[in-house]
Amino acid sequence: MARWIALFDDNSEAAWVRRDHDQDHFAYLDAHKDRILIGGGLRPAPGQWFEGGLWVMEVDSREEAVRLVEDDPYFVHGLRRNYRLALWGKAPCYGAVTL
């Protein structure tokens, strides 16, 4: 298993997706919390609206990470303009990290 991050950019014209599908999205995260270890929205500053998101996943392959991202209701309904996947490794000075 490897830790992957997904960094999402949102489609500002599809902000309605958050309102209409947030419960589906949160249920999806909950159903996959064994592989999506942590996730959340990104804002440009406190109090401003979301412009994207970040997940840390622990999966067997890039293909599995892609499936998790592209099956998410936020992706399916067009909120995610694009995303970037990358392997993540912590710096050695941090010791053990449990998510």
C-alpha atoms as a PDB file:
ATOM      1  CA  MET A   1       0.000   0.000   0.000  1.00  0.00           C
ATOM      2  CA  ALA A   2       1.082   3.531  -0.688  1.00  0.00           C
ATOM      3  CA  ARG A   3      -0.193   6.903   0.444  1.00  0.00           C
ATOM      4  CA  TRP A   4      -1.544   9.054  -2.358  1.00  0.00           C
ATOM      5  CA  ILE A   5      -2.879  12.572  -2.194  1.00  0.00           C
ATOM      6  CA  ALA A   6      -5.585  13.949  -4.436  1.00  0.00           C
ATOM      7  CA  LEU A   7      -5.597  17.723  -4.830  1.00  0.00           C
ATOM      8  CA  PHE A   8      -8.844  19.016  -6.331  1.00  0.00           C
ATOM      9  CA  ASP A   9      -9.688  22.257  -8.134  1.00  0.00           C
ATOM     10  CA  ASP A  10     -13.385  23.068  -8.171  1.00  0.00           C
ATOM     11  CA  ASN A  11     -15.459  24.330 -11.062  1.00  0.00           C
ATOM     12  CA  SER A  12     -16.774  27.672  -9.748  1.00  0.00           C
ATOM     13  CA  GLU A  13     -19.805  27.396 -12.058  1.00  0.00           C
ATOM     14  CA  ALA A  14     -20.819  24.146 -10.337  1.00  0.00           C
ATOM     15  CA  ALA A  15     -20.844  25.405  -6.734  1.00  0.00           C
ATOM     16  CA  TRP A  16     -24.471  24.199  -6.532  1.00  0.00           C
ATOM     17  CA  VAL A  17     -23.109  20.618  -6.448  1.00  0.00           C
ATOM     18  CA  ARG A  18     -21.844  21.170  -2.885  1.00  0.00           C
ATOM     19  CA  ARG A  19     -25.323  22.266  -1.796  1.00  0.00           C
ATOM     20  CA  ASP A  20     -27.240  19.534  -3.621  1.00  0.00           C
ATOM     21  CA  HIS A  21     -24.867  16.585  -3.116  1.00  0.00           C
ATOM     22  CA  ASP A  22     -22.936  17.255   0.076  1.00  0.00           C
ATOM     23  CA  GLN A  23     -24.661  14.451   1.996  1.00  0.00           C
ATOM     24  CA  ASP A  24     -23.938  11.973  -0.834  1.00  0.00           C
ATOM     25  CA  HIS A  25     -20.303  13.115  -0.860  1.00  0.00           C
ATOM     26  CA  PHE A  26     -19.932  12.775   2.931  1.00  0.00           C
ATOM     27  CA  ALA A  27     -21.575   9.327   2.841  1.00  0.00           C
ATOM     28  CA  TYR A  28     -19.117   8.334   0.099  1.00  0.00           C
ATOM     29  CA  LEU A  29     -16.159   9.463   2.214  1.00  0.00           C
ATOM     30  CA  ASP A  30     -17.540   7.557   5.204  1.00  0.00           C
ATOM     31  CA  ALA A  31     -18.068   4.392   3.139  1.00  0.00           C
ATOM     32  CA  HIS A  32     -14.442   4.540   1.950  1.00  0.00           C
ATOM     33  CA  LYS A  33     -12.713   5.802   5.100  1.00  0.00           C
ATOM     34  CA  ASP A  34     -10.595   2.636   5.175  1.00  0.00           C
ATOM     35  CA  ARG A  35      -8.845   3.999   2.028  1.00  0.00           C
ATOM     36  CA  ILE A  36      -9.614   7.729   2.089  1.00  0.00           C
ATOM     37  CA  LEU A  37      -7.888   8.392   5.405  1.00  0.00           C
ATOM     38  CA  ILE A  38      -8.653  12.085   5.598  1.00  0.00           C
ATOM     39  CA  GLY A  39     -10.246  14.629   3.330  1.00  0.00           C
ATOM     40  CA  GLY A  40     -11.544  18.141   3.404  1.00  0.00           C
ATOM     41  CA  GLY A  41     -12.260  21.334   1.532  1.00  0.00           C
ATOM     42  CA  LEU A  42      -9.774  24.071   0.666  1.00  0.00           C
ATOM     43  CA  ARG A  43     -10.521  27.795   0.948  1.00  0.00           C
ATOM     44  CA  PRO A  44      -8.387  30.738  -0.181  1.00  0.00           C
ATOM     45  CA  ALA A  45      -8.853  32.448   3.226  1.00  0.00           C
ATOM     46  CA  PRO A  46     -10.967  32.071   6.384  1.00  0.00           C
ATOM     47  CA  GLY A  47     -14.626  32.727   5.682  1.00  0.00           C
ATOM     48  CA  GLN A  48     -14.275  32.477   1.908  1.00  0.00           C
ATOM     49  CA  TRP A  49     -16.015  29.818  -0.157  1.00  0.00           C
ATOM     50  CA  PHE A  50     -14.389  26.494  -1.064  1.00  0.00           C
ATOM     51  CA  GLU A  51     -12.206  26.347  -4.161  1.00  0.00           C
ATOM     52  CA  GLY A  52     -11.110  22.716  -3.992  1.00  0.00           C
ATOM     53  CA  GLY A  53     -10.237  19.854  -1.697  1.00  0.00           C
ATOM     54  CA  LEU A  54      -7.535  17.482  -0.524  1.00  0.00           C
ATOM     55  CA  TRP A  55      -7.608  13.773   0.267  1.00  0.00           C
ATOM     56  CA  VAL A  56      -4.958  11.476   1.670  1.00  0.00           C
ATOM     57  CA  MET A  57      -5.574   7.903   0.540  1.00  0.00           C
ATOM     58  CA  GLU A  58      -3.912   4.600   1.309  1.00  0.00           C
ATOM     59  CA  VAL A  59      -4.423   2.340  -1.706  1.00  0.00           C
ATOM     60  CA  ASP A  60      -2.699  -0.421  -3.638  1.00  0.00           C
ATOM     61  CA  SER A  61      -2.368   1.442  -6.937  1.00  0.00           C
ATOM     62  CA  ARG A  62      -2.816   4.681  -8.818  1.00  0.00           C
ATOM     63  CA  GLU A  63      -5.720   3.049 -10.643  1.00  0.00           C
ATOM     64  CA  GLU A  64      -7.515   2.488  -7.340  1.00  0.00           C
ATOM     65  CA  ALA A  65      -6.946   6.136  -6.391  1.00  0.00           C
ATOM     66  CA  VAL A  66      -8.403   7.232  -9.748  1.00  0.00           C
ATOM     67  CA  ARG A  67     -11.488   5.039  -9.206  1.00  0.00           C
ATOM     68  CA  LEU A  68     -12.053   6.491  -5.733  1.00  0.00           C
ATOM     69  CA  VAL A  69     -11.751  10.062  -7.036  1.00  0.00           C
ATOM     70  CA  GLU A  70     -13.897   9.585 -10.127  1.00  0.00           C
ATOM     71  CA  ASP A  71     -16.695   7.688  -8.334  1.00  0.00           C
ATOM     72  CA  ASP A  72     -17.149  10.475  -5.760  1.00  0.00           C
ATOM     73  CA  PRO A  73     -20.468  12.332  -6.199  1.00  0.00           C
ATOM     74  CA  TYR A  74     -18.641  15.668  -6.341  1.00  0.00           C
ATOM     75  CA  PHE A  75     -16.677  14.414  -9.352  1.00  0.00           C
ATOM     76  CA  VAL A  76     -19.647  12.649 -10.981  1.00  0.00           C
ATOM     77  CA  HIS A  77     -21.801  15.792 -10.802  1.00  0.00           C
ATOM     78  CA  GLY A  78     -19.118  18.116 -12.175  1.00  0.00           C
ATOM     79  CA  LEU A  79     -17.880  20.028  -9.129  1.00  0.00           C
ATOM     80  CA  ARG A  80     -14.292  18.930  -9.651  1.00  0.00           C
ATOM     81  CA  ARG A  81     -12.753  20.854 -12.568  1.00  0.00           C
ATOM     82  CA  ASN A  82      -9.609  18.759 -12.337  1.00  0.00           C
ATOM     83  CA  TYR A  83      -7.462  16.890  -9.879  1.00  0.00           C
ATOM     84  CA  ARG A  84      -3.867  15.902  -9.364  1.00  0.00           C
ATOM     85  CA  LEU A  85      -2.670  12.615  -7.867  1.00  0.00           C
ATOM     86  CA  ALA A  86       0.741  12.217  -6.283  1.00  0.00           C
ATOM     87  CA  LEU A  87       2.480   9.747  -4.008  1.00  0.00           C
ATOM     88  CA  TRP A  88       3.018  11.216  -0.557  1.00  0.00           C
ATOM     89  CA  GLY A  89       5.841  10.473   1.798  1.00  0.00           C
ATOM     90  CA  LYS A  90       6.484  12.244   5.057  1.00  0.00           C
ATOM     91  CA  ALA A  91       9.799  13.773   6.011  1.00  0.00           C
ATOM     92  CA  PRO A  92      11.801  11.514   8.364  1.00  0.00           C
ATOM     93  CA  CYS A  93      11.866  14.077  11.200  1.00  0.00           C
ATOM     94  CA  TYR A  94       8.162  13.469  11.893  1.00  0.00           C
ATOM     95  CA  GLY A  95       8.480   9.848  12.998  1.00  0.00           C
ATOM     96  CA  ALA A  96       5.348   7.716  12.926  1.00  0.00           C
ATOM     97  CA  VAL A  97       2.244   9.443  11.552  1.00  0.00           C
ATOM     98  CA  THR A  98      -1.156   7.895  12.087  1.00  0.00           C
ATOM     99  CA  LEU A  99      -4.095   9.207  10.118  1.00  0.00           C
END
